[in-house]
N, C-alpha and C. Protein backbone atom coordinates (compact mmCIF):
# COMPACT_ATOMS: atom_id res chain seq x y z
N MET A 1 67.55 75.12 249.66
CA MET A 1 69.17 73.92 250.59
C MET A 1 70.04 73.68 249.23
N ALA A 2 70.93 74.14 249.40
CA ALA A 2 72.13 73.61 248.77
C ALA A 2 72.57 71.73 248.36
N THR A 3 72.16 71.36 247.69
CA THR A 3 72.78 69.85 247.05
C THR A 3 73.54 69.51 246.40
N HIS A 4 74.28 68.30 246.49
CA HIS A 4 74.73 67.94 245.74
C HIS A 4 74.73 66.54 245.49
N VAL A 5 75.30 66.17 244.85
CA VAL A 5 75.33 64.12 244.04
C VAL A 5 76.47 64.30 245.12
N LYS A 6 76.32 62.99 245.82
CA LYS A 6 77.78 61.86 246.76
C LYS A 6 77.60 60.81 246.18
N LEU A 7 78.34 60.25 245.07
CA LEU A 7 79.20 58.67 244.94
C LEU A 7 80.18 58.14 246.27
N THR A 8 80.10 57.55 246.70
CA THR A 8 80.66 57.03 247.62
C THR A 8 81.15 55.65 246.90
N VAL A 9 82.70 54.84 247.42
CA VAL A 9 83.30 53.50 247.56
C VAL A 9 84.10 53.15 248.03
N THR A 10 83.89 52.68 248.93
CA THR A 10 84.57 51.72 249.47
C THR A 10 85.57 50.52 249.43
N HIS A 11 86.68 50.75 249.48
CA HIS A 11 87.91 49.92 248.66
C HIS A 11 88.49 49.14 249.88
N TYR A 12 89.10 47.59 249.60
CA TYR A 12 89.34 47.01 250.28
C TYR A 12 91.37 46.43 249.08
N ARG A 13 92.60 46.79 249.89
CA ARG A 13 93.57 46.16 249.12
C ARG A 13 93.50 44.55 248.85
N ARG A 14 94.35 44.46 248.03
CA ARG A 14 94.34 42.78 247.92
C ARG A 14 95.80 42.47 248.70
N PRO A 15 95.25 41.42 249.39
CA PRO A 15 95.68 40.80 250.78
C PRO A 15 97.44 40.71 250.19
N GLU A 16 97.77 40.31 249.06
CA GLU A 16 99.38 40.32 248.99
C GLU A 16 100.08 42.14 249.19
N HIS A 17 99.71 42.58 249.44
CA HIS A 17 100.14 44.46 249.35
C HIS A 17 99.68 45.03 250.94
N THR A 18 100.00 45.53 251.15
CA THR A 18 100.15 46.54 252.91
C THR A 18 99.23 47.21 252.91
N HIS A 19 98.25 48.09 253.62
CA HIS A 19 97.73 49.24 253.97
C HIS A 19 98.26 49.97 252.97
N GLU A 20 99.84 50.43 253.35
CA GLU A 20 100.61 51.36 253.58
C GLU A 20 100.80 51.26 251.93
N ALA A 21 101.11 50.37 251.11
CA ALA A 21 101.74 50.54 250.02
C ALA A 21 100.56 50.73 248.37
N PHE A 22 99.41 50.06 249.41
CA PHE A 22 97.80 50.18 249.20
C PHE A 22 97.44 52.32 248.33
N MET A 23 97.73 52.77 250.28
CA MET A 23 97.63 54.10 249.25
C MET A 23 98.09 55.00 248.49
N LYS A 24 99.48 54.85 248.73
CA LYS A 24 100.85 55.15 247.62
C LYS A 24 100.37 54.94 246.20
N TRP A 25 99.56 53.86 246.30
CA TRP A 25 99.38 52.91 244.43
C TRP A 25 97.81 54.12 244.21
N ILE A 26 97.21 54.53 244.90
CA ILE A 26 96.33 55.32 244.84
C ILE A 26 96.15 56.99 244.33
N VAL A 27 97.37 56.81 245.27
CA VAL A 27 97.91 58.04 245.11
C VAL A 27 98.89 59.08 244.39
N GLU A 28 100.28 58.72 244.51
CA GLU A 28 100.85 58.50 243.16
C GLU A 28 100.91 57.75 242.20
N GLU A 29 100.24 56.89 242.22
CA GLU A 29 99.66 55.61 240.75
C GLU A 29 98.40 56.55 239.71
N HIS A 30 97.29 55.92 240.41
CA HIS A 30 96.00 56.13 239.83
C HIS A 30 95.22 57.69 240.26
N LEU A 31 95.83 58.51 240.84
CA LEU A 31 94.86 59.81 240.96
C LEU A 31 95.20 60.82 240.29
N PRO A 32 97.18 60.74 239.91
CA PRO A 32 97.54 61.92 238.74
C PRO A 32 96.47 61.53 237.22
N LEU A 33 96.45 60.63 237.03
CA LEU A 33 95.65 59.79 236.53
C LEU A 33 94.15 60.31 236.09
N ALA A 34 93.29 60.40 237.07
CA ALA A 34 92.70 60.33 236.74
C ALA A 34 91.16 61.58 237.66
N ILE A 35 92.27 62.90 238.46
CA ILE A 35 91.73 64.06 238.40
C ILE A 35 92.02 65.10 237.21
N PRO A 36 92.80 64.50 235.63
CA PRO A 36 91.94 65.33 235.05
C PRO A 36 91.19 64.90 234.24
N VAL A 37 90.51 63.86 234.41
CA VAL A 37 88.84 62.73 233.54
C VAL A 37 88.16 63.82 234.88
N PHE A 38 88.47 63.87 235.89
CA PHE A 38 87.28 64.39 237.21
C PHE A 38 87.27 65.63 236.84
N LYS A 39 87.99 66.35 236.54
CA LYS A 39 88.52 67.66 235.80
C LYS A 39 87.21 67.98 234.45
N ARG A 40 87.07 67.30 233.84
CA ARG A 40 86.02 66.91 233.02
C ARG A 40 85.20 66.96 232.34
N CYS A 41 84.60 66.11 233.62
CA CYS A 41 83.35 65.58 233.72
C CYS A 41 82.61 65.67 234.60
N GLY A 42 82.69 66.56 235.57
CA GLY A 42 82.08 67.52 236.37
C GLY A 42 82.14 66.95 237.55
N VAL A 43 83.41 66.52 238.10
CA VAL A 43 83.67 66.41 239.46
C VAL A 43 84.32 67.25 240.77
N ILE A 44 83.39 67.26 241.14
CA ILE A 44 83.59 69.24 242.08
C ILE A 44 83.96 68.58 242.98
N ASN A 45 84.43 67.66 243.54
CA ASN A 45 85.24 67.46 244.70
C ASN A 45 85.20 66.06 244.71
N TYR A 46 86.96 65.35 245.28
CA TYR A 46 87.03 64.02 245.49
C TYR A 46 88.10 64.22 246.71
N SER A 47 87.35 63.07 247.36
CA SER A 47 88.03 62.67 249.06
C SER A 47 88.14 61.26 249.46
N LEU A 48 89.56 61.15 249.49
CA LEU A 48 90.11 59.90 250.02
C LEU A 48 90.12 59.52 251.61
N PHE A 49 89.73 59.10 251.79
CA PHE A 49 89.63 59.08 253.67
C PHE A 49 89.99 57.44 253.81
N ASP A 50 91.09 57.69 254.40
CA ASP A 50 92.15 56.54 254.30
C ASP A 50 91.54 55.73 256.10
N THR A 51 91.95 54.72 255.83
CA THR A 51 91.06 54.20 257.21
C THR A 51 92.19 52.99 257.93
N PRO A 52 92.87 53.57 258.21
CA PRO A 52 94.57 52.55 259.02
C PRO A 52 93.93 51.40 259.72
N ALA A 53 93.64 50.14 259.60
CA ALA A 53 93.46 49.34 260.93
C ALA A 53 93.91 49.63 262.02
N ALA A 54 95.28 50.00 262.49
CA ALA A 54 95.32 50.36 263.86
C ALA A 54 94.10 51.64 264.68
N MET A 55 94.13 52.48 263.34
CA MET A 55 93.14 53.70 263.94
C MET A 55 91.48 52.68 264.07
N ASN A 56 91.55 52.17 262.98
CA ASN A 56 89.63 51.32 264.01
C ASN A 56 89.78 50.61 264.72
N ALA A 57 90.88 50.28 265.24
CA ALA A 57 90.89 48.94 265.93
C ALA A 57 90.66 50.09 267.41
N GLU A 58 91.60 50.98 267.45
CA GLU A 58 91.83 51.96 268.75
C GLU A 58 90.38 52.28 269.06
N LEU A 59 89.93 52.73 267.71
CA LEU A 59 88.00 53.56 267.74
C LEU A 59 87.20 52.19 268.17
N LYS A 60 87.20 50.98 268.01
CA LYS A 60 86.39 49.56 268.68
C LYS A 60 86.97 49.92 269.99
N ALA A 61 88.59 50.18 270.25
CA ALA A 61 88.38 49.84 272.17
C ALA A 61 88.09 50.70 272.47
N ASN A 62 87.85 51.93 272.41
CA ASN A 62 87.51 53.23 272.81
C ASN A 62 86.29 53.13 273.37
N MET A 63 85.74 52.52 272.27
CA MET A 63 83.79 53.47 271.85
C MET A 63 83.42 52.13 272.46
N GLY A 64 83.99 50.78 272.27
CA GLY A 64 83.28 49.66 272.46
C GLY A 64 82.59 49.18 273.85
N GLY A 65 82.55 50.47 275.02
CA GLY A 65 81.89 50.26 276.28
C GLY A 65 80.58 50.88 276.03
N HIS A 66 80.81 52.07 274.82
CA HIS A 66 79.55 53.16 274.92
C HIS A 66 78.74 52.57 273.62
N ARG A 67 79.74 51.67 272.86
CA ARG A 67 78.80 51.72 271.76
C ARG A 67 78.75 49.88 271.22
N ALA A 68 78.53 49.01 272.49
CA ALA A 68 78.74 47.69 271.48
C ALA A 68 78.28 46.92 270.87
N ALA A 69 77.07 47.29 270.43
CA ALA A 69 76.41 46.63 269.67
C ALA A 69 76.79 46.87 268.19
N TRP A 70 77.55 48.20 268.00
CA TRP A 70 78.52 49.16 266.93
C TRP A 70 79.06 47.90 266.33
N ASP A 71 79.18 47.78 264.23
CA ASP A 71 80.50 46.80 264.31
C ASP A 71 81.59 48.21 263.33
N TYR A 72 82.60 47.87 263.05
CA TYR A 72 83.02 48.27 262.83
C TYR A 72 84.21 48.63 261.94
N ALA A 73 83.92 49.17 260.99
CA ALA A 73 84.27 49.53 259.44
C ALA A 73 86.00 48.79 259.33
N ASP A 74 86.40 48.06 258.22
CA ASP A 74 87.48 47.30 258.27
C ASP A 74 88.00 47.98 256.78
N PHE A 75 87.41 48.48 256.39
CA PHE A 75 87.64 48.65 255.00
C PHE A 75 89.51 49.34 254.92
N ASP A 76 90.20 49.47 253.62
CA ASP A 76 91.56 50.62 254.23
C ASP A 76 91.17 51.89 253.66
N CYS A 77 89.77 52.19 252.36
CA CYS A 77 89.55 53.79 251.81
C CYS A 77 88.17 53.94 252.56
N PHE A 78 88.00 54.73 251.77
CA PHE A 78 86.30 55.24 251.32
C PHE A 78 86.75 56.38 250.60
N ILE A 79 85.85 56.47 249.38
CA ILE A 79 86.46 56.95 248.21
C ILE A 79 84.92 58.22 248.00
N GLU A 80 85.31 59.03 248.47
CA GLU A 80 84.08 60.22 248.10
C GLU A 80 84.38 61.47 247.02
N TYR A 81 82.89 61.48 246.07
CA TYR A 81 83.17 62.30 244.92
C TYR A 81 82.37 63.22 244.78
N THR A 82 82.23 64.11 244.89
CA THR A 82 81.19 65.55 244.64
C THR A 82 80.59 65.24 243.39
N LEU A 83 79.55 65.79 242.50
CA LEU A 83 78.63 65.60 241.67
C LEU A 83 77.93 67.06 241.56
N ASN A 84 77.37 67.48 240.12
CA ASN A 84 76.22 68.60 240.16
C ASN A 84 75.57 67.66 239.96
N ASP A 85 75.70 66.62 239.03
CA ASP A 85 73.98 65.77 238.34
C ASP A 85 75.30 64.26 238.61
N VAL A 86 74.36 63.01 238.50
CA VAL A 86 74.41 61.73 238.21
C VAL A 86 74.83 60.83 236.83
N LYS A 87 74.69 62.14 236.31
CA LYS A 87 75.71 62.32 234.67
C LYS A 87 77.03 62.58 234.26
N ASN A 88 77.18 63.32 235.26
CA ASN A 88 78.92 63.14 235.58
C ASN A 88 79.47 61.84 235.51
N ILE A 89 79.09 61.16 235.76
CA ILE A 89 79.67 59.72 237.00
C ILE A 89 79.48 58.73 235.32
N GLY A 90 78.92 58.92 234.52
CA GLY A 90 78.34 58.13 232.66
C GLY A 90 79.49 59.12 232.66
N GLN A 91 79.33 59.92 232.49
CA GLN A 91 80.89 61.06 231.91
C GLN A 91 82.13 60.75 232.35
N PHE A 92 83.23 60.51 233.48
CA PHE A 92 83.95 60.24 233.97
C PHE A 92 84.27 58.35 233.24
N LEU A 93 83.02 58.01 233.67
CA LEU A 93 83.01 56.62 232.90
C LEU A 93 83.75 56.12 231.46
N ALA A 94 83.14 56.96 230.57
CA ALA A 94 82.58 57.35 229.31
C ALA A 94 84.04 57.06 228.72
N ASP A 95 84.87 58.05 229.96
CA ASP A 95 85.93 59.01 229.31
C ASP A 95 87.78 58.12 229.16
N PRO A 96 88.01 57.52 228.13
CA PRO A 96 89.32 56.67 227.59
C PRO A 96 89.97 56.97 228.51
N ASP A 97 90.34 58.00 229.24
CA ASP A 97 91.47 58.27 230.09
C ASP A 97 91.60 57.46 231.18
N TRP A 98 89.80 57.26 231.60
CA TRP A 98 89.57 56.86 232.85
C TRP A 98 90.11 55.52 233.08
N ALA A 99 90.06 54.83 231.98
CA ALA A 99 90.35 53.16 231.38
C ALA A 99 91.95 53.75 232.00
N LYS A 100 92.44 53.71 231.41
CA LYS A 100 94.00 54.14 231.32
C LYS A 100 93.69 54.19 233.11
N SER A 101 93.67 54.69 233.58
CA SER A 101 93.76 55.49 235.22
C SER A 101 93.39 54.27 236.34
N ILE A 102 92.73 53.40 235.35
CA ILE A 102 92.32 52.42 236.89
C ILE A 102 92.88 50.99 236.07
N GLU A 103 93.79 50.22 234.67
CA GLU A 103 93.84 49.63 233.96
C GLU A 103 94.73 48.83 235.07
N HIS A 104 95.50 49.31 236.14
CA HIS A 104 95.75 47.91 237.05
C HIS A 104 94.84 48.19 238.33
N GLN A 105 93.56 48.20 238.35
CA GLN A 105 93.15 48.44 239.73
C GLN A 105 92.79 46.70 240.29
N GLU A 106 92.64 46.05 239.57
CA GLU A 106 92.60 44.44 239.53
C GLU A 106 93.62 43.81 240.35
N GLU A 107 95.24 44.58 239.74
CA GLU A 107 95.93 44.18 241.11
C GLU A 107 96.30 44.69 242.16
N TRP A 108 95.84 45.98 242.86
CA TRP A 108 95.58 46.24 243.94
C TRP A 108 94.37 46.31 244.71
N VAL A 109 93.08 45.93 243.98
CA VAL A 109 91.93 46.23 245.08
C VAL A 109 91.36 45.07 245.04
N ASP A 110 90.73 44.58 245.88
CA ASP A 110 89.57 42.89 245.43
C ASP A 110 88.31 43.61 245.56
N THR A 111 87.93 43.87 243.91
CA THR A 111 86.40 44.69 243.83
C THR A 111 85.97 43.56 244.04
N SER A 112 86.03 42.39 244.27
CA SER A 112 84.62 41.80 245.08
C SER A 112 83.94 42.29 246.86
N LYS A 113 85.14 43.17 247.30
CA LYS A 113 84.57 43.44 248.21
C LYS A 113 83.74 45.02 248.52
N ALA A 114 84.03 45.63 246.73
CA ALA A 114 83.74 47.33 247.04
C ALA A 114 82.25 47.30 247.67
N LEU A 115 81.89 48.28 248.35
CA LEU A 115 80.93 49.21 248.40
C LEU A 115 80.24 50.32 247.87
N MET A 116 79.48 50.27 246.92
CA MET A 116 79.15 51.79 246.85
C MET A 116 77.90 52.48 247.58
N SER A 117 77.56 53.61 247.12
CA SER A 117 76.33 54.18 247.85
C SER A 117 76.85 55.81 246.85
N ILE A 118 74.97 56.05 246.60
CA ILE A 118 74.78 57.46 246.20
C ILE A 118 73.98 58.06 247.12
N GLY A 119 73.74 59.02 246.65
CA GLY A 119 72.93 60.47 247.46
C GLY A 119 72.81 61.49 246.78
N TYR A 120 72.07 61.97 248.05
CA TYR A 120 72.08 63.56 248.47
C TYR A 120 73.18 63.94 249.24
N ILE A 121 74.52 65.18 249.21
CA ILE A 121 74.55 65.72 250.24
C ILE A 121 74.68 67.59 250.27
N THR A 122 73.75 67.56 251.62
CA THR A 122 73.21 68.69 252.16
C THR A 122 74.20 69.13 253.85
N PRO A 123 75.06 70.10 252.92
CA PRO A 123 76.17 70.94 254.16
C PRO A 123 74.97 71.29 255.36
N TYR A 124 75.44 71.57 256.07
CA TYR A 124 75.34 71.77 257.81
C TYR A 124 76.07 72.71 258.52
N LEU A 125 76.75 72.50 258.24
CA LEU A 125 78.05 73.01 259.48
C LEU A 125 79.81 72.69 258.26
N LEU A 126 79.95 74.33 257.81
CA LEU A 126 81.34 74.84 256.92
C LEU A 126 82.42 74.31 258.08
N GLU A 127 82.66 74.79 257.27
CA GLU A 127 84.79 74.47 258.08
C GLU A 127 84.65 75.83 259.10
N SER A 128 84.23 77.12 258.40
CA SER A 128 84.16 78.13 259.13
C SER A 128 83.28 77.91 260.08
N GLY A 129 83.12 77.49 260.70
CA GLY A 129 81.47 76.86 261.33
C GLY A 129 80.18 77.71 261.71
N GLU A 130 80.25 77.56 260.50
CA GLU A 130 79.21 78.38 260.14
C GLU A 130 78.40 77.45 259.89
N ALA A 131 76.94 77.95 260.88
CA ALA A 131 76.14 76.42 260.73
C ALA A 131 74.89 77.26 259.46
N VAL A 132 74.50 76.31 258.26
CA VAL A 132 73.76 76.75 257.29
C VAL A 132 73.04 75.37 256.87
N ASN A 133 71.79 76.04 255.97
CA ASN A 133 70.50 74.70 256.18
C ASN A 133 70.22 73.97 257.45
N VAL A 134 70.18 75.24 258.75
CA VAL A 134 68.90 74.46 259.44
C VAL A 134 67.79 74.67 259.79
N PRO A 135 67.18 75.33 259.97
CA PRO A 135 66.31 76.21 260.39
C PRO A 135 66.49 76.49 261.57
N GLY A 136 66.02 78.11 261.93
CA GLY A 136 66.18 78.49 263.25
C GLY A 136 67.88 79.24 263.69
N LEU A 137 68.78 78.81 262.69
CA LEU A 137 69.87 78.79 263.09
C LEU A 137 70.51 79.85 262.59
């Protein structure tokens, strides 16, 4: 069974910025500096899950009757890093160009609310429709 390390981070924007401006900062200013660091330091996949408030409100309205006890996330984005090894995290954090890529982070991100998680990811259904790593399939 193939597994990779997955590191996730949720981010809330600072209140003086709109969601759209925040996402634009990540994509247009942060990522052009960060992607070369990721490539050098063993990050094999990076995904940015944009979670606009309007979509979350609609989800809550539609799912409320089915899952009334559930809570609904209100962060602005969910970032996923896929790595071959946990040591890759230390490699990109120690890279001097990483510091440059996040030098304006405090202006944009409410870091007091960030939530991180780490673990292993194992695919079970691929985009191709192929089921993998499932016994009996």
